[in-house]
Amino acid sequence: MKKTKKKSNNLKFDVGDMVVYPSHGVGHVNSIEKFEVNKTKIQCLTIFMEQDQLVVKIPFDKIKEVGLRKVSSRKVIQDSLNLLKGKAKIRRMMWSRRAQEYSQKINSGDPIMLSEVIRDLYRKNNQPEQSYSERQMFQSAVERLARELAAVEKIDHYSATQKIEIILESK
């Protein structure tokens, strides 16, 4: 196994870049590695996901397929935070169908979609209590958005979570 720290010719990721793997969250590129498997050369990005203490290796030819991207711009993050201030859009359909839509939005890794889930599932103390699965989805969306917010604004995860909670409580 040979490790290189060169930039890939056809990809826009460098060692040290903060990236979003939609189904896992935010991580950073540790290395660009070359492997040989069955006489086939494979080049991979090695990404460390701090929140899960997970190392993910993604072959270059699968990067687009898994949806790997750099962290969002400050403008996109600000737009997503502004979305949290809006009124919840609860659709009148079975919870199982809404849950499926929320899961897809969470796994998209898109900050705007994460904010939609957070906005729609947020409950103030004086509102009816959420079901267990609603709370789980809400927490998962907050966690993902907070990780990307922390990476973009270069703050710790706790501060990013607090920032989201302050916005929600001010509605």
N, C-alpha and C. Protein backbone atom coordinates (compact mmCIF):
# COMPACT_ATOMS: atom_id res chain seq x y z
N MET A 1 0.85 -1.17 0.00
CA MET A 1 0.00 0.00 0.00
C MET A 1 0.90 1.23 0.00
N LYS A 2 0.73 2.05 -1.01
CA LYS A 2 1.55 3.24 -1.15
C LYS A 2 0.69 4.47 -0.92
N LYS A 3 1.14 5.36 -0.05
CA LYS A 3 0.41 6.60 0.23
C LYS A 3 1.07 7.74 -0.51
N THR A 4 0.23 8.57 -1.12
CA THR A 4 0.75 9.76 -1.78
C THR A 4 -0.01 10.97 -1.26
N LYS A 5 0.62 12.11 -1.34
CA LYS A 5 -0.03 13.35 -0.89
C LYS A 5 -0.21 14.29 -2.07
N LYS A 6 -0.25 13.74 -3.26
CA LYS A 6 -0.44 14.56 -4.45
C LYS A 6 -1.91 14.81 -4.67
N LYS A 7 -2.18 15.89 -5.39
CA LYS A 7 -3.55 16.18 -5.79
C LYS A 7 -3.89 15.29 -6.98
N SER A 8 -5.10 14.80 -7.02
CA SER A 8 -5.54 13.98 -8.13
C SER A 8 -5.73 14.87 -9.36
N ASN A 9 -5.45 14.32 -10.51
CA ASN A 9 -5.57 15.09 -11.75
C ASN A 9 -7.01 15.49 -12.04
N ASN A 10 -7.94 14.55 -11.90
CA ASN A 10 -9.30 14.81 -12.34
C ASN A 10 -10.28 15.07 -11.21
N LEU A 11 -9.83 15.13 -9.98
CA LEU A 11 -10.72 15.36 -8.87
C LEU A 11 -10.32 16.61 -8.12
N LYS A 12 -11.27 17.18 -7.43
CA LYS A 12 -11.03 18.46 -6.78
C LYS A 12 -10.81 18.31 -5.28
N PHE A 13 -10.30 17.18 -4.84
CA PHE A 13 -10.05 16.95 -3.42
C PHE A 13 -8.56 16.88 -3.15
N ASP A 14 -8.15 17.56 -2.07
CA ASP A 14 -6.76 17.53 -1.63
C ASP A 14 -6.70 16.94 -0.23
N VAL A 15 -5.54 16.45 0.15
CA VAL A 15 -5.33 16.01 1.52
C VAL A 15 -5.57 17.21 2.43
N GLY A 16 -6.36 16.99 3.48
CA GLY A 16 -6.68 18.06 4.42
C GLY A 16 -8.02 18.73 4.16
N ASP A 17 -8.62 18.51 2.98
CA ASP A 17 -9.93 19.10 2.68
C ASP A 17 -11.01 18.54 3.60
N MET A 18 -11.94 19.41 3.99
CA MET A 18 -13.13 18.98 4.71
C MET A 18 -14.17 18.61 3.66
N VAL A 19 -14.76 17.43 3.82
CA VAL A 19 -15.72 16.93 2.84
C VAL A 19 -16.98 16.43 3.55
N VAL A 20 -18.05 16.27 2.76
CA VAL A 20 -19.29 15.71 3.27
C VAL A 20 -19.58 14.42 2.50
N TYR A 21 -19.67 13.34 3.25
CA TYR A 21 -20.10 12.06 2.70
C TYR A 21 -21.56 11.96 3.12
N PRO A 22 -22.50 12.10 2.18
CA PRO A 22 -23.91 12.25 2.54
C PRO A 22 -24.46 11.26 3.56
N SER A 23 -24.09 10.01 3.48
CA SER A 23 -24.66 9.04 4.41
C SER A 23 -23.91 8.93 5.73
N HIS A 24 -22.79 9.67 5.87
CA HIS A 24 -22.02 9.63 7.12
C HIS A 24 -21.82 10.99 7.77
N GLY A 25 -21.78 12.04 6.99
CA GLY A 25 -21.57 13.37 7.55
C GLY A 25 -20.24 13.97 7.11
N VAL A 26 -19.69 14.82 7.98
CA VAL A 26 -18.47 15.57 7.66
C VAL A 26 -17.23 14.80 8.06
N GLY A 27 -16.22 14.88 7.21
CA GLY A 27 -14.93 14.26 7.50
C GLY A 27 -13.84 15.05 6.82
N HIS A 28 -12.61 14.59 6.99
CA HIS A 28 -11.54 15.27 6.26
C HIS A 28 -10.68 14.24 5.54
N VAL A 29 -10.16 14.67 4.40
CA VAL A 29 -9.35 13.79 3.56
C VAL A 29 -7.99 13.61 4.23
N ASN A 30 -7.70 12.39 4.64
CA ASN A 30 -6.41 12.07 5.28
C ASN A 30 -5.32 11.81 4.26
N SER A 31 -5.68 11.10 3.20
CA SER A 31 -4.65 10.77 2.21
C SER A 31 -5.30 10.36 0.89
N ILE A 32 -4.47 10.34 -0.13
CA ILE A 32 -4.85 9.80 -1.42
C ILE A 32 -3.94 8.60 -1.62
N GLU A 33 -4.53 7.44 -1.74
CA GLU A 33 -3.75 6.20 -1.78
C GLU A 33 -3.94 5.46 -3.09
N LYS A 34 -2.91 4.71 -3.45
CA LYS A 34 -2.98 3.85 -4.63
C LYS A 34 -2.83 2.40 -4.18
N PHE A 35 -3.70 1.56 -4.68
CA PHE A 35 -3.67 0.13 -4.37
C PHE A 35 -3.61 -0.64 -5.67
N GLU A 36 -3.16 -1.88 -5.56
CA GLU A 36 -3.25 -2.78 -6.70
C GLU A 36 -3.99 -4.02 -6.22
N VAL A 37 -5.14 -4.26 -6.83
CA VAL A 37 -5.96 -5.41 -6.49
C VAL A 37 -6.18 -6.22 -7.76
N ASN A 38 -5.76 -7.47 -7.73
CA ASN A 38 -5.88 -8.34 -8.91
C ASN A 38 -5.35 -7.67 -10.18
N LYS A 39 -4.19 -7.09 -10.06
CA LYS A 39 -3.50 -6.43 -11.17
C LYS A 39 -4.26 -5.21 -11.71
N THR A 40 -5.20 -4.71 -10.91
CA THR A 40 -5.93 -3.50 -11.27
C THR A 40 -5.52 -2.41 -10.30
N LYS A 41 -5.10 -1.29 -10.85
CA LYS A 41 -4.68 -0.18 -9.98
C LYS A 41 -5.90 0.64 -9.59
N ILE A 42 -6.01 0.90 -8.30
CA ILE A 42 -7.13 1.66 -7.76
C ILE A 42 -6.58 2.82 -6.95
N GLN A 43 -7.12 3.99 -7.18
CA GLN A 43 -6.74 5.16 -6.41
C GLN A 43 -7.94 5.53 -5.52
N CYS A 44 -7.68 5.75 -4.23
CA CYS A 44 -8.74 6.03 -3.26
C CYS A 44 -8.46 7.28 -2.45
N LEU A 45 -9.55 7.91 -2.01
CA LEU A 45 -9.46 8.95 -0.99
C LEU A 45 -9.70 8.25 0.34
N THR A 46 -8.88 8.56 1.33
CA THR A 46 -9.09 8.05 2.68
C THR A 46 -9.63 9.21 3.50
N ILE A 47 -10.83 9.02 4.03
CA ILE A 47 -11.52 10.08 4.76
C ILE A 47 -11.75 9.64 6.20
N PHE A 48 -11.43 10.53 7.14
CA PHE A 48 -11.65 10.25 8.56
C PHE A 48 -12.89 11.00 9.01
N MET A 49 -13.87 10.26 9.55
CA MET A 49 -15.10 10.83 10.09
C MET A 49 -14.96 10.87 11.60
N GLU A 50 -14.63 12.03 12.13
CA GLU A 50 -14.32 12.17 13.55
C GLU A 50 -15.48 11.77 14.45
N GLN A 51 -16.71 12.18 14.10
CA GLN A 51 -17.86 11.92 14.97
C GLN A 51 -18.09 10.44 15.22
N ASP A 52 -17.77 9.60 14.25
CA ASP A 52 -17.97 8.16 14.39
C ASP A 52 -16.65 7.39 14.56
N GLN A 53 -15.54 8.12 14.58
CA GLN A 53 -14.21 7.49 14.62
C GLN A 53 -14.13 6.43 13.51
N LEU A 54 -14.48 6.86 12.31
CA LEU A 54 -14.60 5.97 11.17
C LEU A 54 -13.66 6.42 10.06
N VAL A 55 -12.99 5.46 9.42
CA VAL A 55 -12.15 5.75 8.26
C VAL A 55 -12.84 5.12 7.05
N VAL A 56 -13.06 5.94 6.03
CA VAL A 56 -13.73 5.48 4.83
C VAL A 56 -12.76 5.63 3.66
N LYS A 57 -12.67 4.59 2.85
CA LYS A 57 -11.85 4.66 1.64
C LYS A 57 -12.79 4.61 0.45
N ILE A 58 -12.69 5.65 -0.39
CA ILE A 58 -13.58 5.74 -1.54
C ILE A 58 -12.75 5.73 -2.82
N PRO A 59 -12.95 4.72 -3.67
CA PRO A 59 -12.26 4.71 -4.96
C PRO A 59 -12.68 5.93 -5.78
N PHE A 60 -11.76 6.50 -6.53
CA PHE A 60 -12.04 7.70 -7.32
C PHE A 60 -13.25 7.52 -8.23
N ASP A 61 -13.39 6.32 -8.81
CA ASP A 61 -14.50 6.12 -9.74
C ASP A 61 -15.86 6.00 -9.04
N LYS A 62 -15.88 6.01 -7.70
CA LYS A 62 -17.14 5.93 -6.95
C LYS A 62 -17.48 7.25 -6.24
N ILE A 63 -16.62 8.25 -6.34
CA ILE A 63 -16.82 9.51 -5.62
C ILE A 63 -18.14 10.17 -6.01
N LYS A 64 -18.40 10.25 -7.30
CA LYS A 64 -19.64 10.87 -7.76
C LYS A 64 -20.85 10.05 -7.32
N GLU A 65 -20.72 8.74 -7.43
CA GLU A 65 -21.82 7.83 -7.07
C GLU A 65 -22.24 7.96 -5.60
N VAL A 66 -21.28 8.10 -4.69
CA VAL A 66 -21.62 8.22 -3.26
C VAL A 66 -21.99 9.65 -2.89
N GLY A 67 -21.76 10.60 -3.80
CA GLY A 67 -22.16 11.98 -3.56
C GLY A 67 -21.19 12.79 -2.71
N LEU A 68 -19.94 12.36 -2.65
CA LEU A 68 -18.95 13.08 -1.86
C LEU A 68 -18.78 14.50 -2.41
N ARG A 69 -18.72 15.47 -1.51
CA ARG A 69 -18.56 16.87 -1.91
C ARG A 69 -17.78 17.62 -0.84
N LYS A 70 -17.25 18.78 -1.22
CA LYS A 70 -16.62 19.65 -0.23
C LYS A 70 -17.71 20.25 0.63
N VAL A 71 -17.34 20.76 1.81
CA VAL A 71 -18.34 21.40 2.67
C VAL A 71 -18.92 22.60 1.94
N SER A 72 -20.12 22.95 2.32
CA SER A 72 -20.85 24.04 1.67
C SER A 72 -20.19 25.39 1.91
N SER A 73 -20.60 26.35 1.10
CA SER A 73 -20.13 27.71 1.27
C SER A 73 -20.85 28.35 2.45
N ARG A 74 -20.31 29.46 2.91
CA ARG A 74 -20.96 30.21 4.01
C ARG A 74 -22.37 30.65 3.61
N LYS A 75 -22.56 31.01 2.34
CA LYS A 75 -23.87 31.45 1.88
C LYS A 75 -24.90 30.32 1.97
N VAL A 76 -24.53 29.13 1.55
CA VAL A 76 -25.45 27.99 1.62
C VAL A 76 -25.79 27.68 3.07
N ILE A 77 -24.80 27.72 3.95
CA ILE A 77 -25.05 27.47 5.37
C ILE A 77 -25.96 28.56 5.93
N GLN A 78 -25.72 29.81 5.56
CA GLN A 78 -26.58 30.90 6.05
C GLN A 78 -28.01 30.73 5.54
N ASP A 79 -28.16 30.33 4.28
CA ASP A 79 -29.50 30.08 3.73
C ASP A 79 -30.20 28.96 4.49
N SER A 80 -29.45 27.93 4.84
CA SER A 80 -30.05 26.81 5.58
C SER A 80 -30.45 27.25 6.99
N LEU A 81 -29.63 28.08 7.62
CA LEU A 81 -29.98 28.58 8.96
C LEU A 81 -31.21 29.50 8.90
N ASN A 82 -31.31 30.30 7.84
CA ASN A 82 -32.48 31.16 7.66
C ASN A 82 -33.75 30.33 7.48
N LEU A 83 -33.62 29.19 6.82
CA LEU A 83 -34.75 28.30 6.61
C LEU A 83 -35.32 27.78 7.94
N LEU A 84 -34.44 27.65 8.94
CA LEU A 84 -34.88 27.17 10.26
C LEU A 84 -35.87 28.14 10.90
N LYS A 85 -35.82 29.41 10.51
CA LYS A 85 -36.68 30.43 11.12
C LYS A 85 -38.11 30.37 10.58
N GLY A 86 -38.30 29.66 9.48
CA GLY A 86 -39.61 29.59 8.84
C GLY A 86 -40.60 28.72 9.60
N LYS A 87 -41.82 28.75 9.10
CA LYS A 87 -42.89 27.97 9.71
C LYS A 87 -42.82 26.53 9.21
N ALA A 88 -43.06 25.59 10.12
CA ALA A 88 -43.02 24.17 9.77
C ALA A 88 -44.05 23.86 8.68
N LYS A 89 -43.66 23.01 7.76
CA LYS A 89 -44.57 22.58 6.69
C LYS A 89 -44.86 21.10 6.91
N ILE A 90 -45.89 20.84 7.70
CA ILE A 90 -46.26 19.46 7.99
C ILE A 90 -47.26 19.01 6.93
N ARG A 91 -46.89 17.98 6.23
CA ARG A 91 -47.77 17.44 5.20
C ARG A 91 -48.67 16.39 5.83
N ARG A 92 -49.91 16.41 5.43
CA ARG A 92 -50.91 15.48 5.97
C ARG A 92 -50.83 14.15 5.23
N MET A 93 -49.92 13.32 5.69
CA MET A 93 -49.80 11.97 5.11
C MET A 93 -49.34 11.04 6.22
N MET A 94 -49.36 9.79 5.95
CA MET A 94 -48.97 8.80 6.95
C MET A 94 -47.53 9.07 7.40
N TRP A 95 -47.28 8.83 8.69
CA TRP A 95 -45.95 9.06 9.25
C TRP A 95 -44.90 8.24 8.52
N SER A 96 -45.23 7.02 8.15
CA SER A 96 -44.23 6.16 7.49
C SER A 96 -43.74 6.79 6.19
N ARG A 97 -44.65 7.42 5.45
CA ARG A 97 -44.25 8.08 4.20
C ARG A 97 -43.42 9.34 4.48
N ARG A 98 -43.85 10.13 5.46
CA ARG A 98 -43.08 11.33 5.83
C ARG A 98 -41.70 10.92 6.34
N ALA A 99 -41.66 9.86 7.15
CA ALA A 99 -40.38 9.39 7.70
C ALA A 99 -39.43 8.98 6.58
N GLN A 100 -39.98 8.35 5.56
CA GLN A 100 -39.16 7.95 4.41
C GLN A 100 -38.60 9.19 3.71
N GLU A 101 -39.43 10.21 3.53
CA GLU A 101 -38.96 11.44 2.89
C GLU A 101 -37.91 12.13 3.75
N TYR A 102 -38.14 12.18 5.07
CA TYR A 102 -37.16 12.80 5.97
C TYR A 102 -35.83 12.04 5.93
N SER A 103 -35.89 10.73 5.91
CA SER A 103 -34.66 9.92 5.84
C SER A 103 -33.87 10.22 4.57
N GLN A 104 -34.58 10.34 3.46
CA GLN A 104 -33.92 10.65 2.19
C GLN A 104 -33.25 12.02 2.26
N LYS A 105 -33.94 12.98 2.87
CA LYS A 105 -33.36 14.32 2.99
C LYS A 105 -32.14 14.30 3.90
N ILE A 106 -32.22 13.58 5.01
CA ILE A 106 -31.08 13.49 5.93
C ILE A 106 -29.89 12.84 5.23
N ASN A 107 -30.13 11.75 4.52
CA ASN A 107 -29.05 11.03 3.86
C ASN A 107 -28.53 11.72 2.62
N SER A 108 -29.24 12.78 2.16
CA SER A 108 -28.74 13.54 1.02
C SER A 108 -27.52 14.36 1.44
N GLY A 109 -27.47 14.72 2.75
CA GLY A 109 -26.37 15.52 3.24
C GLY A 109 -26.47 16.99 2.86
N ASP A 110 -27.52 17.38 2.14
CA ASP A 110 -27.72 18.76 1.69
C ASP A 110 -28.17 19.61 2.87
N PRO A 111 -27.44 20.68 3.21
CA PRO A 111 -27.80 21.51 4.37
C PRO A 111 -29.20 22.10 4.28
N ILE A 112 -29.65 22.45 3.08
CA ILE A 112 -31.00 23.00 2.91
C ILE A 112 -32.04 21.94 3.27
N MET A 113 -31.85 20.73 2.79
CA MET A 113 -32.79 19.64 3.09
C MET A 113 -32.74 19.27 4.58
N LEU A 114 -31.55 19.30 5.16
CA LEU A 114 -31.43 19.03 6.60
C LEU A 114 -32.21 20.08 7.39
N SER A 115 -32.11 21.33 6.97
CA SER A 115 -32.83 22.41 7.65
C SER A 115 -34.34 22.24 7.52
N GLU A 116 -34.79 21.75 6.37
CA GLU A 116 -36.22 21.50 6.20
C GLU A 116 -36.71 20.45 7.20
N VAL A 117 -35.94 19.39 7.37
CA VAL A 117 -36.31 18.34 8.32
C VAL A 117 -36.32 18.90 9.75
N ILE A 118 -35.30 19.65 10.10
CA ILE A 118 -35.21 20.23 11.44
C ILE A 118 -36.39 21.17 11.68
N ARG A 119 -36.64 22.05 10.73
CA ARG A 119 -37.75 23.00 10.85
C ARG A 119 -39.09 22.28 11.03
N ASP A 120 -39.32 21.26 10.22
CA ASP A 120 -40.60 20.55 10.25
C ASP A 120 -40.78 19.68 11.48
N LEU A 121 -39.69 19.18 12.06
CA LEU A 121 -39.81 18.29 13.21
C LEU A 121 -39.59 18.99 14.56
N TYR A 122 -39.19 20.26 14.53
CA TYR A 122 -38.93 20.97 15.78
C TYR A 122 -40.23 21.20 16.55
N ARG A 123 -40.19 20.95 17.86
CA ARG A 123 -41.33 21.19 18.75
C ARG A 123 -40.89 22.04 19.92
N LYS A 124 -41.66 23.10 20.19
CA LYS A 124 -41.42 23.89 21.39
C LYS A 124 -41.97 23.12 22.59
N ASN A 125 -41.57 23.54 23.78
CA ASN A 125 -42.00 22.86 24.99
C ASN A 125 -43.51 22.81 25.17
N ASN A 126 -44.22 23.83 24.67
CA ASN A 126 -45.67 23.87 24.85
C ASN A 126 -46.44 23.13 23.76
N GLN A 127 -45.73 22.49 22.84
CA GLN A 127 -46.37 21.75 21.76
C GLN A 127 -46.43 20.26 22.11
N PRO A 128 -47.29 19.52 21.41
CA PRO A 128 -47.38 18.08 21.69
C PRO A 128 -46.03 17.39 21.53
N GLU A 129 -45.80 16.38 22.34
CA GLU A 129 -44.54 15.67 22.32
C GLU A 129 -44.39 14.85 21.03
N GLN A 130 -43.15 14.68 20.63
CA GLN A 130 -42.86 13.89 19.43
C GLN A 130 -42.79 12.42 19.77
N SER A 131 -42.98 11.60 18.74
CA SER A 131 -42.77 10.17 18.90
C SER A 131 -41.26 9.91 18.96
N TYR A 132 -40.89 8.73 19.36
CA TYR A 132 -39.47 8.36 19.45
C TYR A 132 -38.79 8.52 18.08
N SER A 133 -39.43 8.03 17.03
CA SER A 133 -38.80 8.08 15.70
C SER A 133 -38.68 9.53 15.20
N GLU A 134 -39.65 10.38 15.54
CA GLU A 134 -39.53 11.80 15.16
C GLU A 134 -38.35 12.44 15.87
N ARG A 135 -38.19 12.16 17.16
CA ARG A 135 -37.05 12.72 17.92
C ARG A 135 -35.73 12.23 17.35
N GLN A 136 -35.67 10.94 16.99
CA GLN A 136 -34.43 10.38 16.42
C GLN A 136 -34.07 11.07 15.11
N MET A 137 -35.06 11.26 14.25
CA MET A 137 -34.80 11.91 12.97
C MET A 137 -34.39 13.37 13.18
N PHE A 138 -35.08 14.04 14.08
CA PHE A 138 -34.75 15.43 14.40
C PHE A 138 -33.30 15.53 14.87
N GLN A 139 -32.91 14.68 15.82
CA GLN A 139 -31.55 14.70 16.35
C GLN A 139 -30.51 14.39 15.28
N SER A 140 -30.84 13.44 14.42
CA SER A 140 -29.91 13.06 13.34
C SER A 140 -29.69 14.25 12.39
N ALA A 141 -30.77 14.94 12.04
CA ALA A 141 -30.66 16.09 11.13
C ALA A 141 -29.88 17.23 11.79
N VAL A 142 -30.15 17.49 13.08
CA VAL A 142 -29.42 18.55 13.80
C VAL A 142 -27.94 18.20 13.85
N GLU A 143 -27.63 16.95 14.15
CA GLU A 143 -26.23 16.49 14.24
C GLU A 143 -25.50 16.72 12.92
N ARG A 144 -26.12 16.32 11.81
CA ARG A 144 -25.48 16.47 10.50
C ARG A 144 -25.28 17.95 10.14
N LEU A 145 -26.31 18.76 10.38
CA LEU A 145 -26.19 20.18 10.05
C LEU A 145 -25.15 20.85 10.95
N ALA A 146 -25.14 20.51 12.22
CA ALA A 146 -24.18 21.10 13.16
C ALA A 146 -22.75 20.74 12.76
N ARG A 147 -22.51 19.53 12.31
CA ARG A 147 -21.16 19.13 11.89
C ARG A 147 -20.69 19.98 10.71
N GLU A 148 -21.58 20.20 9.74
CA GLU A 148 -21.17 20.99 8.58
C GLU A 148 -21.04 22.46 8.95
N LEU A 149 -21.95 22.96 9.78
CA LEU A 149 -21.85 24.34 10.27
C LEU A 149 -20.52 24.56 11.01
N ALA A 150 -20.15 23.61 11.84
CA ALA A 150 -18.89 23.70 12.59
C ALA A 150 -17.70 23.73 11.63
N ALA A 151 -17.73 22.91 10.59
CA ALA A 151 -16.62 22.87 9.63
C ALA A 151 -16.52 24.17 8.85
N VAL A 152 -17.67 24.70 8.44
CA VAL A 152 -17.67 25.93 7.63
C VAL A 152 -17.24 27.14 8.46
N GLU A 153 -17.79 27.25 9.69
CA GLU A 153 -17.49 28.41 10.52
C GLU A 153 -16.26 28.21 11.42
N LYS A 154 -15.64 27.04 11.30
CA LYS A 154 -14.45 26.71 12.09
C LYS A 154 -14.68 26.91 13.59
N ILE A 155 -15.80 26.34 14.05
CA ILE A 155 -16.14 26.34 15.48
C ILE A 155 -16.32 24.89 15.92
N ASP A 156 -16.44 24.67 17.22
CA ASP A 156 -16.61 23.30 17.67
C ASP A 156 -18.07 22.86 17.49
N HIS A 157 -18.28 21.56 17.52
CA HIS A 157 -19.59 20.97 17.30
C HIS A 157 -20.62 21.46 18.31
N TYR A 158 -20.21 21.59 19.55
CA TYR A 158 -21.12 22.04 20.61
C TYR A 158 -21.64 23.45 20.31
N SER A 159 -20.75 24.35 19.92
CA SER A 159 -21.14 25.73 19.59
C SER A 159 -22.08 25.76 18.39
N ALA A 160 -21.81 24.92 17.41
CA ALA A 160 -22.66 24.86 16.22
C ALA A 160 -24.06 24.37 16.59
N THR A 161 -24.13 23.36 17.44
CA THR A 161 -25.42 22.85 17.90
C THR A 161 -26.18 23.92 18.66
N GLN A 162 -25.47 24.64 19.53
CA GLN A 162 -26.10 25.73 20.28
C GLN A 162 -26.65 26.80 19.35
N LYS A 163 -25.91 27.13 18.30
CA LYS A 163 -26.35 28.14 17.35
C LYS A 163 -27.67 27.72 16.70
N ILE A 164 -27.77 26.46 16.32
CA ILE A 164 -29.01 25.94 15.72
C ILE A 164 -30.16 26.00 16.73
N GLU A 165 -29.89 25.59 17.97
CA GLU A 165 -30.93 25.59 19.01
C GLU A 165 -31.42 27.01 19.30
N ILE A 166 -30.51 27.98 19.33
CA ILE A 166 -30.89 29.38 19.58
C ILE A 166 -31.83 29.89 18.47
N ILE A 167 -31.51 29.55 17.24
CA ILE A 167 -32.36 29.96 16.11
C ILE A 167 -33.75 29.34 16.26
N LEU A 168 -33.80 28.05 16.59
CA LEU A 168 -35.08 27.36 16.73
C LEU A 168 -35.91 27.94 17.88
N GLU A 169 -35.26 28.23 18.99
CA GLU A 169 -35.99 28.74 20.16
C GLU A 169 -36.48 30.18 19.95
N SER A 170 -35.87 30.89 19.02
CA SER A 170 -36.27 32.28 18.79
C SER A 170 -37.49 32.39 17.86
N LYS A 171 -37.94 31.26 17.33
CA LYS A 171 -39.11 31.29 16.39
C LYS A 171 -40.37 31.69 17.13
